Amino acid sequence: MTLTETFALVSFSLFSYADLRYRLVPGIEVFLLGTILLTLPITPIQTGIVILACAWSLFRNLSGWFALILLFYPPVWPVLLTGYGYRKGIVGRADLLAISGLACLFPLPAVLLSLFGLEAWRRLWIRRQMGAIPALPGLLLGLIAWLLLRLFFQTP
């Protein structure tokens, strides 16, 4: 496992526990800053565009035309979709920052698989509990699935 994968797995494990226990995720901003510092030297264009998509989501005074330009870069689509949900009040800020960090660290299929993990977690959660759904455990499930699939299909 690489440094970025280990960083993401350990931090998402801690954040998932905090999200389940306290319903807030302290330190998610530090996670995003850490992902930016890890990936900026390696992939500066992808990291910069993900930061711009996250900024569009966080700052409501930025126009929708700004997001339209970002649509031409597919790896930021999950961030833009989550950002739209954040702007409408459907998704929390920690979820947006977590998906932005994943989009910096991993390729698009990994981010999409973690969103599928979130959907599986959501379906399990609404059968057993009521109220707001903690998203980070679902993102962790998808991330673990991505790492296992990559491990199984990796050629020696």
N, C-alpha and C. Protein backbone atom coordinates (compact mmCIF):
# COMPACT_ATOMS: atom_id res chain seq x y z
N MET A 1 0.84 -1.17 0.00
CA MET A 1 0.00 0.00 0.00
C MET A 1 0.89 1.24 0.00
N THR A 2 0.49 2.23 -0.76
CA THR A 2 1.28 3.45 -0.85
C THR A 2 0.98 4.37 0.33
N LEU A 3 1.74 5.44 0.40
CA LEU A 3 1.56 6.40 1.49
C LEU A 3 0.19 7.07 1.41
N THR A 4 -0.24 7.41 0.20
CA THR A 4 -1.54 8.07 0.05
C THR A 4 -2.69 7.14 0.43
N GLU A 5 -2.59 5.89 0.06
CA GLU A 5 -3.63 4.93 0.41
C GLU A 5 -3.68 4.70 1.92
N THR A 6 -2.54 4.60 2.54
CA THR A 6 -2.49 4.43 3.98
C THR A 6 -3.04 5.65 4.69
N PHE A 7 -2.67 6.82 4.22
CA PHE A 7 -3.17 8.07 4.80
C PHE A 7 -4.69 8.13 4.70
N ALA A 8 -5.22 7.80 3.54
CA ALA A 8 -6.67 7.85 3.35
C ALA A 8 -7.38 6.80 4.21
N LEU A 9 -6.85 5.60 4.27
CA LEU A 9 -7.50 4.53 5.02
C LEU A 9 -7.50 4.79 6.52
N VAL A 10 -6.39 5.24 7.06
CA VAL A 10 -6.31 5.51 8.50
C VAL A 10 -7.19 6.70 8.86
N SER A 11 -7.11 7.76 8.08
CA SER A 11 -7.91 8.95 8.42
C SER A 11 -9.40 8.69 8.23
N PHE A 12 -9.79 7.95 7.21
CA PHE A 12 -11.21 7.65 7.04
C PHE A 12 -11.72 6.71 8.12
N SER A 13 -10.87 5.84 8.61
CA SER A 13 -11.29 4.98 9.73
C SER A 13 -11.58 5.82 10.97
N LEU A 14 -10.70 6.74 11.28
CA LEU A 14 -10.91 7.62 12.43
C LEU A 14 -12.12 8.53 12.23
N PHE A 15 -12.25 9.07 11.04
CA PHE A 15 -13.38 9.97 10.76
C PHE A 15 -14.71 9.23 10.77
N SER A 16 -14.71 7.98 10.32
CA SER A 16 -15.94 7.20 10.34
C SER A 16 -16.40 6.94 11.77
N TYR A 17 -15.45 6.62 12.62
CA TYR A 17 -15.79 6.42 14.03
C TYR A 17 -16.35 7.69 14.64
N ALA A 18 -15.71 8.82 14.35
CA ALA A 18 -16.19 10.10 14.88
C ALA A 18 -17.56 10.45 14.32
N ASP A 19 -17.78 10.15 13.06
CA ASP A 19 -19.07 10.45 12.44
C ASP A 19 -20.19 9.60 13.04
N LEU A 20 -19.89 8.35 13.32
CA LEU A 20 -20.90 7.49 13.94
C LEU A 20 -21.14 7.86 15.40
N ARG A 21 -20.10 8.21 16.10
CA ARG A 21 -20.22 8.44 17.53
C ARG A 21 -20.74 9.84 17.87
N TYR A 22 -20.17 10.86 17.23
CA TYR A 22 -20.46 12.24 17.62
C TYR A 22 -21.28 13.03 16.60
N ARG A 23 -21.45 12.48 15.42
CA ARG A 23 -22.17 13.13 14.32
C ARG A 23 -21.47 14.38 13.79
N LEU A 24 -20.24 14.61 14.15
CA LEU A 24 -19.41 15.59 13.50
C LEU A 24 -18.04 15.02 13.27
N VAL A 25 -17.33 15.66 12.36
CA VAL A 25 -16.02 15.14 11.98
C VAL A 25 -14.99 16.24 12.17
N PRO A 26 -14.42 16.33 13.38
CA PRO A 26 -13.38 17.34 13.57
C PRO A 26 -12.10 16.93 12.85
N GLY A 27 -11.49 17.86 12.21
CA GLY A 27 -10.23 17.59 11.53
C GLY A 27 -10.35 17.22 10.07
N ILE A 28 -11.53 17.29 9.50
CA ILE A 28 -11.67 16.95 8.08
C ILE A 28 -10.94 17.98 7.21
N GLU A 29 -10.84 19.20 7.70
CA GLU A 29 -10.09 20.22 6.96
C GLU A 29 -8.61 19.87 6.91
N VAL A 30 -8.11 19.28 8.01
CA VAL A 30 -6.71 18.85 8.04
C VAL A 30 -6.49 17.71 7.05
N PHE A 31 -7.48 16.82 6.92
CA PHE A 31 -7.39 15.75 5.94
C PHE A 31 -7.30 16.32 4.53
N LEU A 32 -8.15 17.29 4.21
CA LEU A 32 -8.11 17.89 2.87
C LEU A 32 -6.78 18.59 2.64
N LEU A 33 -6.29 19.31 3.64
CA LEU A 33 -4.99 19.97 3.51
C LEU A 33 -3.88 18.94 3.32
N GLY A 34 -3.95 17.83 4.04
CA GLY A 34 -2.95 16.77 3.88
C GLY A 34 -2.99 16.15 2.49
N THR A 35 -4.19 15.94 1.96
CA THR A 35 -4.27 15.39 0.60
C THR A 35 -3.74 16.37 -0.42
N ILE A 36 -3.98 17.64 -0.20
CA ILE A 36 -3.45 18.65 -1.12
C ILE A 36 -1.93 18.64 -1.08
N LEU A 37 -1.37 18.59 0.12
CA LEU A 37 0.10 18.58 0.25
C LEU A 37 0.71 17.30 -0.32
N LEU A 38 0.01 16.18 -0.21
CA LEU A 38 0.54 14.92 -0.77
C LEU A 38 0.46 14.87 -2.29
N THR A 39 -0.58 15.43 -2.86
CA THR A 39 -0.79 15.25 -4.29
C THR A 39 -0.40 16.43 -5.16
N LEU A 40 -0.21 17.60 -4.57
CA LEU A 40 0.13 18.77 -5.38
C LEU A 40 1.44 18.60 -6.16
N PRO A 41 2.49 18.05 -5.57
CA PRO A 41 3.71 17.86 -6.38
C PRO A 41 3.56 16.80 -7.46
N ILE A 42 2.71 15.81 -7.26
CA ILE A 42 2.59 14.71 -8.20
C ILE A 42 1.63 15.05 -9.35
N THR A 43 0.43 15.51 -9.00
CA THR A 43 -0.58 15.85 -10.00
C THR A 43 -1.12 17.25 -9.72
N PRO A 44 -0.39 18.28 -10.11
CA PRO A 44 -0.83 19.64 -9.76
C PRO A 44 -2.11 20.07 -10.48
N ILE A 45 -2.33 19.60 -11.70
CA ILE A 45 -3.52 20.03 -12.44
C ILE A 45 -4.77 19.44 -11.82
N GLN A 46 -4.77 18.14 -11.54
CA GLN A 46 -5.94 17.50 -10.94
C GLN A 46 -6.22 18.09 -9.57
N THR A 47 -5.20 18.28 -8.77
CA THR A 47 -5.39 18.83 -7.43
C THR A 47 -5.94 20.25 -7.51
N GLY A 48 -5.41 21.05 -8.40
CA GLY A 48 -5.89 22.42 -8.55
C GLY A 48 -7.33 22.49 -9.00
N ILE A 49 -7.72 21.65 -9.93
CA ILE A 49 -9.09 21.67 -10.41
C ILE A 49 -10.05 21.15 -9.35
N VAL A 50 -9.64 20.16 -8.57
CA VAL A 50 -10.48 19.67 -7.47
C VAL A 50 -10.64 20.77 -6.42
N ILE A 51 -9.58 21.51 -6.14
CA ILE A 51 -9.68 22.62 -5.19
C ILE A 51 -10.64 23.69 -5.71
N LEU A 52 -10.59 23.98 -6.99
CA LEU A 52 -11.52 24.95 -7.58
C LEU A 52 -12.97 24.47 -7.47
N ALA A 53 -13.20 23.18 -7.71
CA ALA A 53 -14.56 22.64 -7.59
C ALA A 53 -15.04 22.69 -6.15
N CYS A 54 -14.16 22.40 -5.22
CA CYS A 54 -14.51 22.47 -3.80
C CYS A 54 -14.78 23.92 -3.40
N ALA A 55 -13.99 24.85 -3.91
CA ALA A 55 -14.21 26.27 -3.62
C ALA A 55 -15.55 26.75 -4.17
N TRP A 56 -15.91 26.28 -5.37
CA TRP A 56 -17.22 26.65 -5.92
C TRP A 56 -18.33 26.16 -5.01
N SER A 57 -18.15 25.01 -4.43
CA SER A 57 -19.17 24.45 -3.57
C SER A 57 -19.28 25.20 -2.25
N LEU A 58 -18.15 25.58 -1.70
CA LEU A 58 -18.15 26.22 -0.39
C LEU A 58 -18.58 27.68 -0.43
N PHE A 59 -18.17 28.39 -1.46
CA PHE A 59 -18.48 29.81 -1.56
C PHE A 59 -19.69 30.01 -2.46
N ARG A 60 -20.79 30.34 -1.85
CA ARG A 60 -22.05 30.43 -2.57
C ARG A 60 -22.13 31.63 -3.52
N ASN A 61 -21.23 32.59 -3.37
CA ASN A 61 -21.28 33.75 -4.25
C ASN A 61 -20.63 33.50 -5.61
N LEU A 62 -19.98 32.35 -5.78
CA LEU A 62 -19.43 32.01 -7.10
C LEU A 62 -20.55 31.54 -8.02
N SER A 63 -20.48 31.97 -9.23
CA SER A 63 -21.53 31.69 -10.20
C SER A 63 -21.54 30.24 -10.65
N GLY A 64 -22.68 29.81 -11.15
CA GLY A 64 -22.81 28.48 -11.71
C GLY A 64 -22.02 28.32 -13.00
N TRP A 65 -21.73 29.43 -13.68
CA TRP A 65 -20.93 29.37 -14.90
C TRP A 65 -19.51 28.89 -14.59
N PHE A 66 -19.05 29.19 -13.39
CA PHE A 66 -17.74 28.71 -12.97
C PHE A 66 -17.72 27.18 -12.93
N ALA A 67 -18.79 26.60 -12.43
CA ALA A 67 -18.90 25.14 -12.36
C ALA A 67 -19.06 24.54 -13.76
N LEU A 68 -19.67 25.26 -14.66
CA LEU A 68 -19.85 24.76 -16.01
C LEU A 68 -18.50 24.53 -16.70
N ILE A 69 -17.56 25.40 -16.44
CA ILE A 69 -16.22 25.24 -17.01
C ILE A 69 -15.55 23.99 -16.43
N LEU A 70 -15.78 23.73 -15.14
CA LEU A 70 -15.16 22.58 -14.49
C LEU A 70 -15.74 21.25 -14.96
N LEU A 71 -16.90 21.28 -15.58
CA LEU A 71 -17.52 20.04 -16.05
C LEU A 71 -16.74 19.37 -17.17
N PHE A 72 -15.82 20.07 -17.78
CA PHE A 72 -15.03 19.49 -18.85
C PHE A 72 -13.90 18.60 -18.34
N TYR A 73 -13.78 18.48 -17.02
CA TYR A 73 -12.76 17.62 -16.43
C TYR A 73 -13.46 16.55 -15.59
N PRO A 74 -13.65 15.34 -16.13
CA PRO A 74 -14.46 14.31 -15.46
C PRO A 74 -14.07 13.93 -14.04
N PRO A 75 -12.80 13.94 -13.63
CA PRO A 75 -12.52 13.55 -12.24
C PRO A 75 -13.14 14.45 -11.17
N VAL A 76 -13.61 15.64 -11.53
CA VAL A 76 -14.24 16.50 -10.53
C VAL A 76 -15.77 16.38 -10.53
N TRP A 77 -16.32 15.53 -11.35
CA TRP A 77 -17.78 15.38 -11.37
C TRP A 77 -18.35 14.98 -10.01
N PRO A 78 -17.76 14.01 -9.29
CA PRO A 78 -18.33 13.69 -7.97
C PRO A 78 -18.25 14.87 -6.99
N VAL A 79 -17.19 15.66 -7.10
CA VAL A 79 -17.06 16.83 -6.22
C VAL A 79 -18.12 17.87 -6.57
N LEU A 80 -18.35 18.08 -7.85
CA LEU A 80 -19.37 19.05 -8.25
C LEU A 80 -20.77 18.58 -7.86
N LEU A 81 -21.03 17.30 -8.00
CA LEU A 81 -22.34 16.77 -7.61
C LEU A 81 -22.55 16.91 -6.10
N THR A 82 -21.54 16.56 -5.33
CA THR A 82 -21.63 16.72 -3.88
C THR A 82 -21.70 18.19 -3.51
N GLY A 83 -20.97 19.02 -4.23
CA GLY A 83 -21.02 20.46 -3.96
C GLY A 83 -22.38 21.06 -4.23
N TYR A 84 -23.04 20.57 -5.26
CA TYR A 84 -24.39 21.03 -5.53
C TYR A 84 -25.32 20.63 -4.38
N GLY A 85 -25.14 19.41 -3.88
CA GLY A 85 -25.92 18.97 -2.73
C GLY A 85 -25.62 19.80 -1.49
N TYR A 86 -24.36 20.20 -1.33
CA TYR A 86 -24.00 21.05 -0.19
C TYR A 86 -24.64 22.43 -0.32
N ARG A 87 -24.61 22.97 -1.52
CA ARG A 87 -25.22 24.28 -1.73
C ARG A 87 -26.72 24.27 -1.50
N LYS A 88 -27.37 23.15 -1.74
CA LYS A 88 -28.81 23.01 -1.51
C LYS A 88 -29.14 22.55 -0.09
N GLY A 89 -28.14 22.24 0.71
CA GLY A 89 -28.36 21.85 2.10
C GLY A 89 -28.67 20.37 2.29
N ILE A 90 -28.40 19.55 1.30
CA ILE A 90 -28.69 18.12 1.38
C ILE A 90 -27.50 17.36 1.96
N VAL A 91 -26.31 17.79 1.65
CA VAL A 91 -25.08 17.11 2.03
C VAL A 91 -24.32 18.01 3.00
N GLY A 92 -23.62 17.41 3.94
CA GLY A 92 -22.85 18.17 4.91
C GLY A 92 -21.49 18.61 4.38
N ARG A 93 -20.92 19.57 5.08
CA ARG A 93 -19.62 20.12 4.69
C ARG A 93 -18.51 19.08 4.80
N ALA A 94 -18.55 18.27 5.84
CA ALA A 94 -17.51 17.24 6.02
C ALA A 94 -17.55 16.22 4.88
N ASP A 95 -18.74 15.90 4.40
CA ASP A 95 -18.87 14.96 3.29
C ASP A 95 -18.26 15.54 2.02
N LEU A 96 -18.51 16.83 1.80
CA LEU A 96 -17.94 17.49 0.63
C LEU A 96 -16.41 17.51 0.71
N LEU A 97 -15.87 17.86 1.86
CA LEU A 97 -14.42 17.92 2.00
C LEU A 97 -13.79 16.52 1.90
N ALA A 98 -14.49 15.50 2.39
CA ALA A 98 -13.98 14.13 2.29
C ALA A 98 -13.94 13.66 0.84
N ILE A 99 -14.98 13.94 0.09
CA ILE A 99 -15.00 13.53 -1.32
C ILE A 99 -13.99 14.33 -2.12
N SER A 100 -13.79 15.59 -1.76
CA SER A 100 -12.76 16.38 -2.43
C SER A 100 -11.38 15.81 -2.16
N GLY A 101 -11.14 15.38 -0.93
CA GLY A 101 -9.86 14.75 -0.62
C GLY A 101 -9.65 13.44 -1.36
N LEU A 102 -10.73 12.66 -1.47
CA LEU A 102 -10.63 11.41 -2.24
C LEU A 102 -10.35 11.69 -3.71
N ALA A 103 -10.97 12.74 -4.24
CA ALA A 103 -10.76 13.08 -5.65
C ALA A 103 -9.33 13.55 -5.90
N CYS A 104 -8.70 14.11 -4.88
CA CYS A 104 -7.29 14.48 -5.02
C CYS A 104 -6.38 13.25 -4.98
N LEU A 105 -6.71 12.31 -4.11
CA LEU A 105 -5.83 11.16 -3.89
C LEU A 105 -5.96 10.04 -4.90
N PHE A 106 -7.19 9.78 -5.34
CA PHE A 106 -7.46 8.58 -6.12
C PHE A 106 -8.02 8.93 -7.49
N PRO A 107 -7.97 7.97 -8.43
CA PRO A 107 -8.59 8.19 -9.74
C PRO A 107 -10.12 8.15 -9.65
N LEU A 108 -10.76 8.54 -10.73
CA LEU A 108 -12.22 8.64 -10.77
C LEU A 108 -12.93 7.33 -10.39
N PRO A 109 -12.49 6.15 -10.86
CA PRO A 109 -13.21 4.93 -10.46
C PRO A 109 -13.20 4.68 -8.95
N ALA A 110 -12.14 5.07 -8.26
CA ALA A 110 -12.09 4.89 -6.81
C ALA A 110 -13.10 5.80 -6.12
N VAL A 111 -13.21 7.02 -6.59
CA VAL A 111 -14.16 7.96 -5.99
C VAL A 111 -15.60 7.50 -6.27
N LEU A 112 -15.84 7.02 -7.47
CA LEU A 112 -17.18 6.52 -7.80
C LEU A 112 -17.52 5.28 -6.98
N LEU A 113 -16.55 4.40 -6.77
CA LEU A 113 -16.81 3.21 -5.96
C LEU A 113 -17.05 3.58 -4.50
N SER A 114 -16.39 4.60 -4.02
CA SER A 114 -16.67 5.02 -2.64
C SER A 114 -18.05 5.67 -2.56
N LEU A 115 -18.52 6.31 -3.61
CA LEU A 115 -19.89 6.82 -3.62
C LEU A 115 -20.90 5.69 -3.68
N PHE A 116 -20.57 4.60 -4.39
CA PHE A 116 -21.44 3.42 -4.37
C PHE A 116 -21.45 2.78 -2.99
N GLY A 117 -20.30 2.80 -2.31
CA GLY A 117 -20.26 2.33 -0.93
C GLY A 117 -21.12 3.18 -0.02
N LEU A 118 -21.15 4.48 -0.29
CA LEU A 118 -22.02 5.38 0.47
C LEU A 118 -23.49 5.04 0.24
N GLU A 119 -23.85 4.71 -0.98
CA GLU A 119 -25.24 4.34 -1.28
C GLU A 119 -25.61 3.03 -0.59
N ALA A 120 -24.70 2.07 -0.58
CA ALA A 120 -24.98 0.81 0.12
C ALA A 120 -25.13 1.05 1.62
N TRP A 121 -24.29 1.92 2.17
CA TRP A 121 -24.39 2.26 3.59
C TRP A 121 -25.70 2.98 3.88
N ARG A 122 -26.11 3.86 2.98
CA ARG A 122 -27.37 4.59 3.16
C ARG A 122 -28.56 3.64 3.21
N ARG A 123 -28.55 2.67 2.31
CA ARG A 123 -29.65 1.70 2.29
C ARG A 123 -29.68 0.85 3.56
N LEU A 124 -28.51 0.49 4.06
CA LEU A 124 -28.44 -0.27 5.30
C LEU A 124 -28.87 0.60 6.49
N TRP A 125 -28.48 1.86 6.48
CA TRP A 125 -28.78 2.77 7.59
C TRP A 125 -30.28 3.06 7.71
N ILE A 126 -30.95 3.28 6.59
CA ILE A 126 -32.37 3.65 6.68
C ILE A 126 -33.24 2.47 7.07
N ARG A 127 -32.75 1.26 6.94
CA ARG A 127 -33.51 0.09 7.41
C ARG A 127 -33.47 -0.03 8.92
N ARG A 128 -32.39 0.44 9.53
CA ARG A 128 -32.20 0.23 10.96
C ARG A 128 -32.36 1.48 11.80
N GLN A 129 -32.10 2.65 11.24
CA GLN A 129 -32.09 3.88 12.02
C GLN A 129 -32.91 4.95 11.30
N MET A 130 -33.25 5.97 12.04
CA MET A 130 -33.92 7.13 11.48
C MET A 130 -32.99 8.33 11.62
N GLY A 131 -33.25 9.36 10.86
CA GLY A 131 -32.48 10.59 11.01
C GLY A 131 -31.40 10.72 9.96
N ALA A 132 -30.49 11.64 10.26
CA ALA A 132 -29.40 11.93 9.34
C ALA A 132 -28.48 10.73 9.18
N ILE A 133 -27.96 10.58 7.98
CA ILE A 133 -27.11 9.44 7.66
C ILE A 133 -25.65 9.87 7.72
N PRO A 134 -24.83 9.22 8.55
CA PRO A 134 -23.40 9.53 8.53
C PRO A 134 -22.77 8.97 7.26
N ALA A 135 -22.19 9.84 6.46
CA ALA A 135 -21.72 9.43 5.14
C ALA A 135 -20.33 8.82 5.14
N LEU A 136 -19.50 9.21 6.07
CA LEU A 136 -18.10 8.77 6.00
C LEU A 136 -17.91 7.27 6.16
N PRO A 137 -18.70 6.55 6.96
CA PRO A 137 -18.54 5.09 6.96
C PRO A 137 -18.84 4.46 5.60
N GLY A 138 -19.79 5.00 4.88
CA GLY A 138 -20.08 4.49 3.54
C GLY A 138 -18.95 4.77 2.57
N LEU A 139 -18.36 5.95 2.68
CA LEU A 139 -17.22 6.27 1.83
C LEU A 139 -16.04 5.35 2.16
N LEU A 140 -15.89 5.02 3.44
CA LEU A 140 -14.84 4.08 3.84
C LEU A 140 -15.08 2.69 3.26
N LEU A 141 -16.33 2.24 3.25
CA LEU A 141 -16.65 0.93 2.64
C LEU A 141 -16.26 0.89 1.17
N GLY A 142 -16.60 1.94 0.45
CA GLY A 142 -16.25 2.01 -0.96
C GLY A 142 -14.75 2.08 -1.18
N LEU A 143 -14.06 2.81 -0.30
CA LEU A 143 -12.61 2.91 -0.42
C LEU A 143 -11.95 1.56 -0.15
N ILE A 144 -12.44 0.83 0.83
CA ILE A 144 -11.90 -0.50 1.11
C ILE A 144 -12.18 -1.44 -0.07
N ALA A 145 -13.36 -1.33 -0.66
CA ALA A 145 -13.68 -2.15 -1.83
C ALA A 145 -12.73 -1.84 -2.98
N TRP A 146 -12.42 -0.56 -3.19
CA TRP A 146 -11.50 -0.18 -4.26
C TRP A 146 -10.11 -0.76 -4.00
N LEU A 147 -9.64 -0.64 -2.77
CA LEU A 147 -8.30 -1.16 -2.46
C LEU A 147 -8.24 -2.67 -2.59
N LEU A 148 -9.30 -3.37 -2.20
CA LEU A 148 -9.32 -4.83 -2.36
C LEU A 148 -9.39 -5.24 -3.82
N LEU A 149 -10.21 -4.56 -4.61
CA LEU A 149 -10.28 -4.87 -6.05
C LEU A 149 -8.94 -4.62 -6.72
N ARG A 150 -8.30 -3.54 -6.36
CA ARG A 150 -7.00 -3.25 -6.95
C ARG A 150 -5.97 -4.28 -6.54
N LEU A 151 -6.07 -4.77 -5.30
CA LEU A 151 -5.15 -5.79 -4.82
C LEU A 151 -5.36 -7.12 -5.55
N PHE A 152 -6.63 -7.50 -5.77
CA PHE A 152 -6.92 -8.77 -6.42
C PHE A 152 -6.59 -8.77 -7.90
N PHE A 153 -6.79 -7.64 -8.57
CA PHE A 153 -6.58 -7.59 -10.00
C PHE A 153 -5.23 -7.03 -10.40
N GLN A 154 -4.38 -6.81 -9.43
CA GLN A 154 -3.04 -6.30 -9.72
C GLN A 154 -2.19 -7.43 -10.27
N THR A 155 -1.53 -7.16 -11.38
CA THR A 155 -0.67 -8.18 -11.98
C THR A 155 0.70 -8.13 -11.32
N PRO A 156 1.26 -9.28 -11.02
CA PRO A 156 2.58 -9.29 -10.34
C PRO A 156 3.72 -8.92 -11.26
